[in-house]
Amino acid sequence: MYVATGLSFGVFIMTSFMGTVPVELEESARLDGCSVYRTFWSIVMPLLKPAFATLVIMQAFQVWNDYLMASLYVSSAKLKTLTVAMQTLFSQQATDYATAMAAIVIAVIPIAILFGALQKYFIKGMTVGAVKG
């Protein structure tokens, strides 16, 4: 279900970013004797790293922080995601804030590591095409 909801956003991001890749690069590669696949993997794909990293980070944020779909479709207590399981730490009668804050910190760690690893590509991907000229 996450693939179906994220596919349109992924196609939109990658299509708009691929529009910024100069056609002249592909033409010069063809003149140099590169096949279509070689041109894609050697020339176009390295230029798409920022867009791909941006897409990975944004989709990972969406899936990791999803509460609605996980709470609607997962009924087994063993299969609950971390965000749905953290809901049990808060109730109207009593709330254990120390355990809840520890769970929140644990929930943030994987996304923080992912963002830290892809940060340079993410910034590049978000700012490319912002200045025209």
N, C-alpha and C. Protein backbone atom coordinates (compact mmCIF):
# COMPACT_ATOMS: atom_id res chain seq x y z
N MET A 1 0.81 -1.19 0.00
CA MET A 1 0.00 0.00 0.00
C MET A 1 0.86 1.26 0.00
N TYR A 2 2.06 1.17 0.56
CA TYR A 2 2.95 2.33 0.53
C TYR A 2 3.50 2.57 -0.87
N VAL A 3 3.71 1.51 -1.62
CA VAL A 3 4.18 1.64 -3.00
C VAL A 3 3.12 2.36 -3.82
N ALA A 4 1.87 1.98 -3.66
CA ALA A 4 0.79 2.60 -4.42
C ALA A 4 0.64 4.07 -4.08
N THR A 5 0.77 4.43 -2.82
CA THR A 5 0.61 5.84 -2.44
C THR A 5 1.84 6.67 -2.76
N GLY A 6 3.02 6.05 -2.76
CA GLY A 6 4.24 6.82 -3.01
C GLY A 6 4.70 6.82 -4.45
N LEU A 7 4.10 5.98 -5.28
CA LEU A 7 4.54 5.86 -6.67
C LEU A 7 4.32 7.14 -7.46
N SER A 8 3.17 7.77 -7.29
CA SER A 8 2.89 8.99 -8.05
C SER A 8 3.86 10.10 -7.66
N PHE A 9 4.16 10.22 -6.38
CA PHE A 9 5.11 11.23 -5.94
C PHE A 9 6.51 10.94 -6.48
N GLY A 10 6.89 9.68 -6.49
CA GLY A 10 8.20 9.30 -7.01
C GLY A 10 8.33 9.58 -8.49
N VAL A 11 7.29 9.26 -9.24
CA VAL A 11 7.31 9.53 -10.68
C VAL A 11 7.38 11.04 -10.93
N PHE A 12 6.64 11.81 -10.16
CA PHE A 12 6.67 13.26 -10.31
C PHE A 12 8.05 13.84 -10.03
N ILE A 13 8.67 13.43 -8.94
CA ILE A 13 10.00 13.95 -8.57
C ILE A 13 11.04 13.55 -9.61
N MET A 14 11.07 12.28 -9.98
CA MET A 14 12.09 11.80 -10.92
C MET A 14 11.88 12.38 -12.32
N THR A 15 10.63 12.53 -12.75
CA THR A 15 10.37 13.09 -14.07
C THR A 15 10.80 14.54 -14.14
N SER A 16 10.46 15.31 -13.11
CA SER A 16 10.84 16.72 -13.13
C SER A 16 12.35 16.89 -13.03
N PHE A 17 13.01 16.01 -12.30
CA PHE A 17 14.46 16.11 -12.19
C PHE A 17 15.15 15.65 -13.47
N MET A 18 14.60 14.63 -14.13
CA MET A 18 15.19 14.15 -15.38
C MET A 18 15.05 15.18 -16.49
N GLY A 19 14.08 16.06 -16.35
CA GLY A 19 13.93 17.14 -17.33
C GLY A 19 15.06 18.15 -17.27
N THR A 20 15.78 18.18 -16.16
CA THR A 20 16.90 19.12 -16.02
C THR A 20 18.21 18.56 -16.57
N VAL A 21 18.25 17.25 -16.87
CA VAL A 21 19.47 16.65 -17.42
C VAL A 21 19.60 17.08 -18.88
N PRO A 22 20.71 17.69 -19.26
CA PRO A 22 20.87 18.17 -20.64
C PRO A 22 20.89 17.02 -21.65
N VAL A 23 20.15 17.19 -22.72
CA VAL A 23 20.09 16.18 -23.78
C VAL A 23 21.43 16.09 -24.49
N GLU A 24 22.21 17.16 -24.47
CA GLU A 24 23.51 17.18 -25.13
C GLU A 24 24.45 16.12 -24.56
N LEU A 25 24.33 15.84 -23.27
CA LEU A 25 25.17 14.81 -22.65
C LEU A 25 24.86 13.43 -23.25
N GLU A 26 23.59 13.17 -23.44
CA GLU A 26 23.20 11.89 -24.03
C GLU A 26 23.61 11.81 -25.50
N GLU A 27 23.49 12.92 -26.21
CA GLU A 27 23.89 12.94 -27.62
C GLU A 27 25.38 12.74 -27.78
N SER A 28 26.16 13.38 -26.92
CA SER A 28 27.62 13.23 -27.02
C SER A 28 28.04 11.81 -26.66
N ALA A 29 27.35 11.19 -25.72
CA ALA A 29 27.65 9.80 -25.38
C ALA A 29 27.32 8.88 -26.54
N ARG A 30 26.22 9.16 -27.24
CA ARG A 30 25.85 8.36 -28.40
C ARG A 30 26.90 8.50 -29.50
N LEU A 31 27.41 9.73 -29.69
CA LEU A 31 28.45 9.96 -30.69
C LEU A 31 29.75 9.25 -30.32
N ASP A 32 30.01 9.12 -29.02
CA ASP A 32 31.21 8.43 -28.57
C ASP A 32 31.08 6.91 -28.61
N GLY A 33 29.89 6.41 -28.94
CA GLY A 33 29.72 4.98 -29.10
C GLY A 33 29.08 4.28 -27.92
N CYS A 34 28.52 5.01 -26.98
CA CYS A 34 27.85 4.38 -25.83
C CYS A 34 26.49 3.85 -26.25
N SER A 35 26.13 2.72 -25.69
CA SER A 35 24.79 2.19 -25.91
C SER A 35 23.81 2.97 -25.03
N VAL A 36 22.54 2.71 -25.21
CA VAL A 36 21.53 3.40 -24.41
C VAL A 36 21.69 3.06 -22.93
N TYR A 37 21.94 1.80 -22.63
CA TYR A 37 22.09 1.38 -21.24
C TYR A 37 23.35 1.95 -20.62
N ARG A 38 24.42 1.93 -21.37
CA ARG A 38 25.69 2.48 -20.87
C ARG A 38 25.55 3.98 -20.61
N THR A 39 24.85 4.69 -21.50
CA THR A 39 24.61 6.12 -21.32
C THR A 39 23.82 6.36 -20.05
N PHE A 40 22.78 5.53 -19.83
CA PHE A 40 21.96 5.72 -18.64
C PHE A 40 22.77 5.48 -17.36
N TRP A 41 23.49 4.35 -17.30
CA TRP A 41 24.19 3.99 -16.07
C TRP A 41 25.45 4.81 -15.84
N SER A 42 26.13 5.26 -16.88
CA SER A 42 27.38 5.98 -16.70
C SER A 42 27.22 7.50 -16.66
N ILE A 43 26.19 8.02 -17.31
CA ILE A 43 26.07 9.47 -17.41
C ILE A 43 24.83 9.99 -16.69
N VAL A 44 23.68 9.42 -17.00
CA VAL A 44 22.43 9.96 -16.44
C VAL A 44 22.27 9.58 -14.98
N MET A 45 22.51 8.33 -14.63
CA MET A 45 22.30 7.87 -13.26
C MET A 45 23.13 8.63 -12.23
N PRO A 46 24.42 8.92 -12.46
CA PRO A 46 25.14 9.72 -11.47
C PRO A 46 24.56 11.13 -11.29
N LEU A 47 23.97 11.66 -12.34
CA LEU A 47 23.33 12.98 -12.22
C LEU A 47 22.02 12.91 -11.44
N LEU A 48 21.43 11.73 -11.35
CA LEU A 48 20.16 11.56 -10.65
C LEU A 48 20.32 11.21 -9.18
N LYS A 49 21.55 11.10 -8.69
CA LYS A 49 21.76 10.76 -7.28
C LYS A 49 21.05 11.72 -6.33
N PRO A 50 21.14 13.05 -6.53
CA PRO A 50 20.43 13.95 -5.61
C PRO A 50 18.91 13.73 -5.61
N ALA A 51 18.34 13.53 -6.78
CA ALA A 51 16.89 13.31 -6.84
C ALA A 51 16.51 11.98 -6.19
N PHE A 52 17.31 10.96 -6.42
CA PHE A 52 17.04 9.66 -5.83
C PHE A 52 17.16 9.71 -4.31
N ALA A 53 18.19 10.40 -3.81
CA ALA A 53 18.36 10.53 -2.36
C ALA A 53 17.21 11.32 -1.74
N THR A 54 16.78 12.38 -2.42
CA THR A 54 15.65 13.16 -1.94
C THR A 54 14.39 12.31 -1.88
N LEU A 55 14.18 11.53 -2.91
CA LEU A 55 13.01 10.65 -2.96
C LEU A 55 13.06 9.60 -1.86
N VAL A 56 14.22 9.00 -1.65
CA VAL A 56 14.36 7.97 -0.61
C VAL A 56 14.09 8.57 0.77
N ILE A 57 14.65 9.73 1.06
CA ILE A 57 14.45 10.35 2.37
C ILE A 57 12.99 10.71 2.58
N MET A 58 12.36 11.34 1.60
CA MET A 58 10.98 11.77 1.77
C MET A 58 10.02 10.58 1.89
N GLN A 59 10.25 9.53 1.12
CA GLN A 59 9.39 8.36 1.22
C GLN A 59 9.65 7.61 2.53
N ALA A 60 10.89 7.57 2.98
CA ALA A 60 11.19 6.92 4.26
C ALA A 60 10.51 7.67 5.41
N PHE A 61 10.52 9.00 5.37
CA PHE A 61 9.82 9.79 6.38
C PHE A 61 8.33 9.45 6.38
N GLN A 62 7.75 9.37 5.20
CA GLN A 62 6.33 9.10 5.09
C GLN A 62 5.98 7.72 5.65
N VAL A 63 6.75 6.71 5.28
CA VAL A 63 6.45 5.35 5.73
C VAL A 63 6.74 5.20 7.22
N TRP A 64 7.84 5.74 7.68
CA TRP A 64 8.23 5.57 9.08
C TRP A 64 7.27 6.27 10.03
N ASN A 65 6.79 7.45 9.64
CA ASN A 65 5.92 8.22 10.52
C ASN A 65 4.44 7.96 10.30
N ASP A 66 4.11 7.01 9.42
CA ASP A 66 2.71 6.75 9.12
C ASP A 66 2.00 6.16 10.33
N TYR A 67 0.89 6.75 10.65
CA TYR A 67 0.09 6.27 11.76
C TYR A 67 -1.26 5.75 11.27
N LEU A 68 -1.87 6.46 10.35
CA LEU A 68 -3.24 6.15 9.95
C LEU A 68 -3.36 4.77 9.31
N MET A 69 -2.59 4.50 8.26
CA MET A 69 -2.72 3.21 7.58
C MET A 69 -2.32 2.06 8.48
N ALA A 70 -1.27 2.27 9.27
CA ALA A 70 -0.82 1.19 10.15
C ALA A 70 -1.86 0.89 11.23
N SER A 71 -2.52 1.90 11.75
CA SER A 71 -3.52 1.65 12.79
C SER A 71 -4.82 1.08 12.21
N LEU A 72 -5.11 1.40 10.95
CA LEU A 72 -6.34 0.89 10.34
C LEU A 72 -6.20 -0.56 9.89
N TYR A 73 -5.08 -0.93 9.32
CA TYR A 73 -4.95 -2.23 8.66
C TYR A 73 -4.24 -3.30 9.48
N VAL A 74 -3.53 -2.93 10.52
CA VAL A 74 -2.80 -3.92 11.32
C VAL A 74 -3.60 -4.17 12.60
N SER A 75 -4.06 -5.40 12.75
CA SER A 75 -4.87 -5.72 13.92
C SER A 75 -4.09 -6.53 14.96
N SER A 76 -3.08 -7.23 14.55
CA SER A 76 -2.30 -8.05 15.46
C SER A 76 -1.34 -7.19 16.27
N ALA A 77 -1.25 -7.46 17.56
CA ALA A 77 -0.35 -6.69 18.42
C ALA A 77 1.12 -6.93 18.07
N LYS A 78 1.42 -8.12 17.53
CA LYS A 78 2.81 -8.44 17.16
C LYS A 78 3.28 -7.65 15.95
N LEU A 79 2.36 -7.26 15.08
CA LEU A 79 2.72 -6.59 13.83
C LEU A 79 2.62 -5.07 13.89
N LYS A 80 2.28 -4.51 15.03
CA LYS A 80 2.12 -3.06 15.14
C LYS A 80 3.44 -2.34 14.86
N THR A 81 3.33 -1.24 14.16
CA THR A 81 4.52 -0.43 13.91
C THR A 81 4.87 0.36 15.17
N LEU A 82 6.04 0.98 15.16
CA LEU A 82 6.50 1.69 16.34
C LEU A 82 5.60 2.87 16.68
N THR A 83 5.12 3.59 15.68
CA THR A 83 4.27 4.75 15.96
C THR A 83 2.92 4.32 16.54
N VAL A 84 2.38 3.21 16.08
CA VAL A 84 1.12 2.72 16.64
C VAL A 84 1.34 2.15 18.03
N ALA A 85 2.45 1.46 18.23
CA ALA A 85 2.74 0.89 19.55
C ALA A 85 2.99 1.99 20.60
N MET A 86 3.52 3.13 20.17
CA MET A 86 3.75 4.22 21.13
C MET A 86 2.45 4.81 21.64
N GLN A 87 1.37 4.63 20.92
CA GLN A 87 0.07 5.13 21.35
C GLN A 87 -0.35 4.51 22.68
N THR A 88 0.05 3.27 22.90
CA THR A 88 -0.33 2.59 24.14
C THR A 88 0.34 3.21 25.36
N LEU A 89 1.39 4.00 25.17
CA LEU A 89 2.06 4.64 26.29
C LEU A 89 1.30 5.86 26.80
N PHE A 90 0.35 6.34 26.02
CA PHE A 90 -0.44 7.51 26.41
C PHE A 90 -1.89 7.09 26.59
N SER A 91 -2.45 7.42 27.73
CA SER A 91 -3.86 7.13 27.98
C SER A 91 -4.46 8.25 28.82
N GLN A 92 -5.79 8.23 28.99
CA GLN A 92 -6.44 9.27 29.78
C GLN A 92 -6.20 9.09 31.27
N GLN A 93 -6.00 7.86 31.70
CA GLN A 93 -5.84 7.60 33.13
C GLN A 93 -4.41 7.87 33.60
N ALA A 94 -3.43 7.37 32.89
CA ALA A 94 -2.04 7.53 33.34
C ALA A 94 -1.12 7.56 32.12
N THR A 95 -0.08 8.33 32.24
CA THR A 95 0.90 8.42 31.16
C THR A 95 2.29 8.30 31.76
N ASP A 96 3.07 7.40 31.20
CA ASP A 96 4.45 7.21 31.64
C ASP A 96 5.34 8.01 30.70
N TYR A 97 5.63 9.25 31.07
CA TYR A 97 6.37 10.15 30.18
C TYR A 97 7.81 9.71 29.95
N ALA A 98 8.44 9.12 30.93
CA ALA A 98 9.83 8.68 30.77
C ALA A 98 9.93 7.58 29.71
N THR A 99 9.07 6.62 29.77
CA THR A 99 9.07 5.53 28.78
C THR A 99 8.67 6.06 27.41
N ALA A 100 7.70 6.97 27.39
CA ALA A 100 7.25 7.55 26.13
C ALA A 100 8.36 8.35 25.45
N MET A 101 9.09 9.12 26.19
CA MET A 101 10.19 9.91 25.60
C MET A 101 11.32 8.99 25.12
N ALA A 102 11.57 7.92 25.84
CA ALA A 102 12.58 6.96 25.39
C ALA A 102 12.14 6.30 24.08
N ALA A 103 10.88 5.97 23.97
CA ALA A 103 10.36 5.37 22.73
C ALA A 103 10.44 6.36 21.57
N ILE A 104 10.15 7.62 21.84
CA ILE A 104 10.23 8.65 20.79
C ILE A 104 11.66 8.82 20.30
N VAL A 105 12.61 8.82 21.21
CA VAL A 105 14.02 8.93 20.83
C VAL A 105 14.44 7.72 19.99
N ILE A 106 14.01 6.54 20.39
CA ILE A 106 14.33 5.33 19.63
C ILE A 106 13.69 5.39 18.24
N ALA A 107 12.51 5.96 18.15
CA ALA A 107 11.83 6.06 16.85
C ALA A 107 12.51 7.05 15.92
N VAL A 108 13.19 8.04 16.47
CA VAL A 108 13.85 9.06 15.65
C VAL A 108 15.21 8.60 15.14
N ILE A 109 15.87 7.71 15.83
CA ILE A 109 17.25 7.33 15.51
C ILE A 109 17.42 6.79 14.07
N PRO A 110 16.61 5.84 13.57
CA PRO A 110 16.84 5.35 12.20
C PRO A 110 16.69 6.43 11.13
N ILE A 111 15.70 7.30 11.29
CA ILE A 111 15.50 8.36 10.30
C ILE A 111 16.62 9.39 10.38
N ALA A 112 17.10 9.67 11.57
CA ALA A 112 18.21 10.61 11.71
C ALA A 112 19.47 10.05 11.06
N ILE A 113 19.71 8.77 11.19
CA ILE A 113 20.87 8.14 10.56
C ILE A 113 20.73 8.18 9.04
N LEU A 114 19.54 7.87 8.53
CA LEU A 114 19.31 7.93 7.09
C LEU A 114 19.51 9.34 6.55
N PHE A 115 18.95 10.32 7.24
CA PHE A 115 19.10 11.70 6.79
C PHE A 115 20.56 12.13 6.85
N GLY A 116 21.27 11.76 7.90
CA GLY A 116 22.68 12.12 8.01
C GLY A 116 23.52 11.52 6.89
N ALA A 117 23.18 10.29 6.49
CA ALA A 117 23.95 9.63 5.43
C ALA A 117 23.67 10.24 4.06
N LEU A 118 22.46 10.71 3.84
CA LEU A 118 22.08 11.23 2.52
C LEU A 118 21.90 12.75 2.49
N GLN A 119 22.37 13.43 3.52
CA GLN A 119 22.12 14.87 3.64
C GLN A 119 22.69 15.68 2.48
N LYS A 120 23.91 15.39 2.06
CA LYS A 120 24.51 16.20 1.00
C LYS A 120 23.74 16.05 -0.31
N TYR A 121 23.24 14.85 -0.59
CA TYR A 121 22.44 14.66 -1.79
C TYR A 121 21.05 15.29 -1.65
N PHE A 122 20.51 15.24 -0.45
CA PHE A 122 19.18 15.81 -0.20
C PHE A 122 19.17 17.31 -0.43
N ILE A 123 20.17 18.00 0.09
CA ILE A 123 20.26 19.45 -0.09
C ILE A 123 20.43 19.79 -1.56
N LYS A 124 21.28 19.03 -2.26
CA LYS A 124 21.50 19.24 -3.69
C LYS A 124 20.22 19.00 -4.48
N GLY A 125 19.50 17.95 -4.11
CA GLY A 125 18.27 17.61 -4.82
C GLY A 125 17.15 18.60 -4.59
N MET A 126 17.11 19.20 -3.43
CA MET A 126 16.06 20.17 -3.15
C MET A 126 16.33 21.53 -3.78
N THR A 127 17.59 21.84 -4.00
CA THR A 127 17.92 23.17 -4.53
C THR A 127 18.18 23.20 -6.02
N VAL A 128 18.32 22.04 -6.66
CA VAL A 128 18.58 22.04 -8.09
C VAL A 128 17.33 22.54 -8.83
N GLY A 129 17.55 23.38 -9.77
CA GLY A 129 16.46 23.94 -10.53
C GLY A 129 15.77 25.11 -9.84
N ALA A 130 16.23 25.47 -8.63
CA ALA A 130 15.61 26.59 -7.93
C ALA A 130 15.99 27.92 -8.56
N VAL A 131 17.18 27.99 -9.12
CA VAL A 131 17.64 29.22 -9.78
C VAL A 131 17.68 28.97 -11.26
N LYS A 132 16.96 29.76 -12.00
CA LYS A 132 16.93 29.59 -13.45
C LYS A 132 17.89 30.58 -14.06
N GLY A 133 18.69 30.13 -15.02
CA GLY A 133 19.55 31.10 -15.66
C GLY A 133 20.81 30.57 -16.23
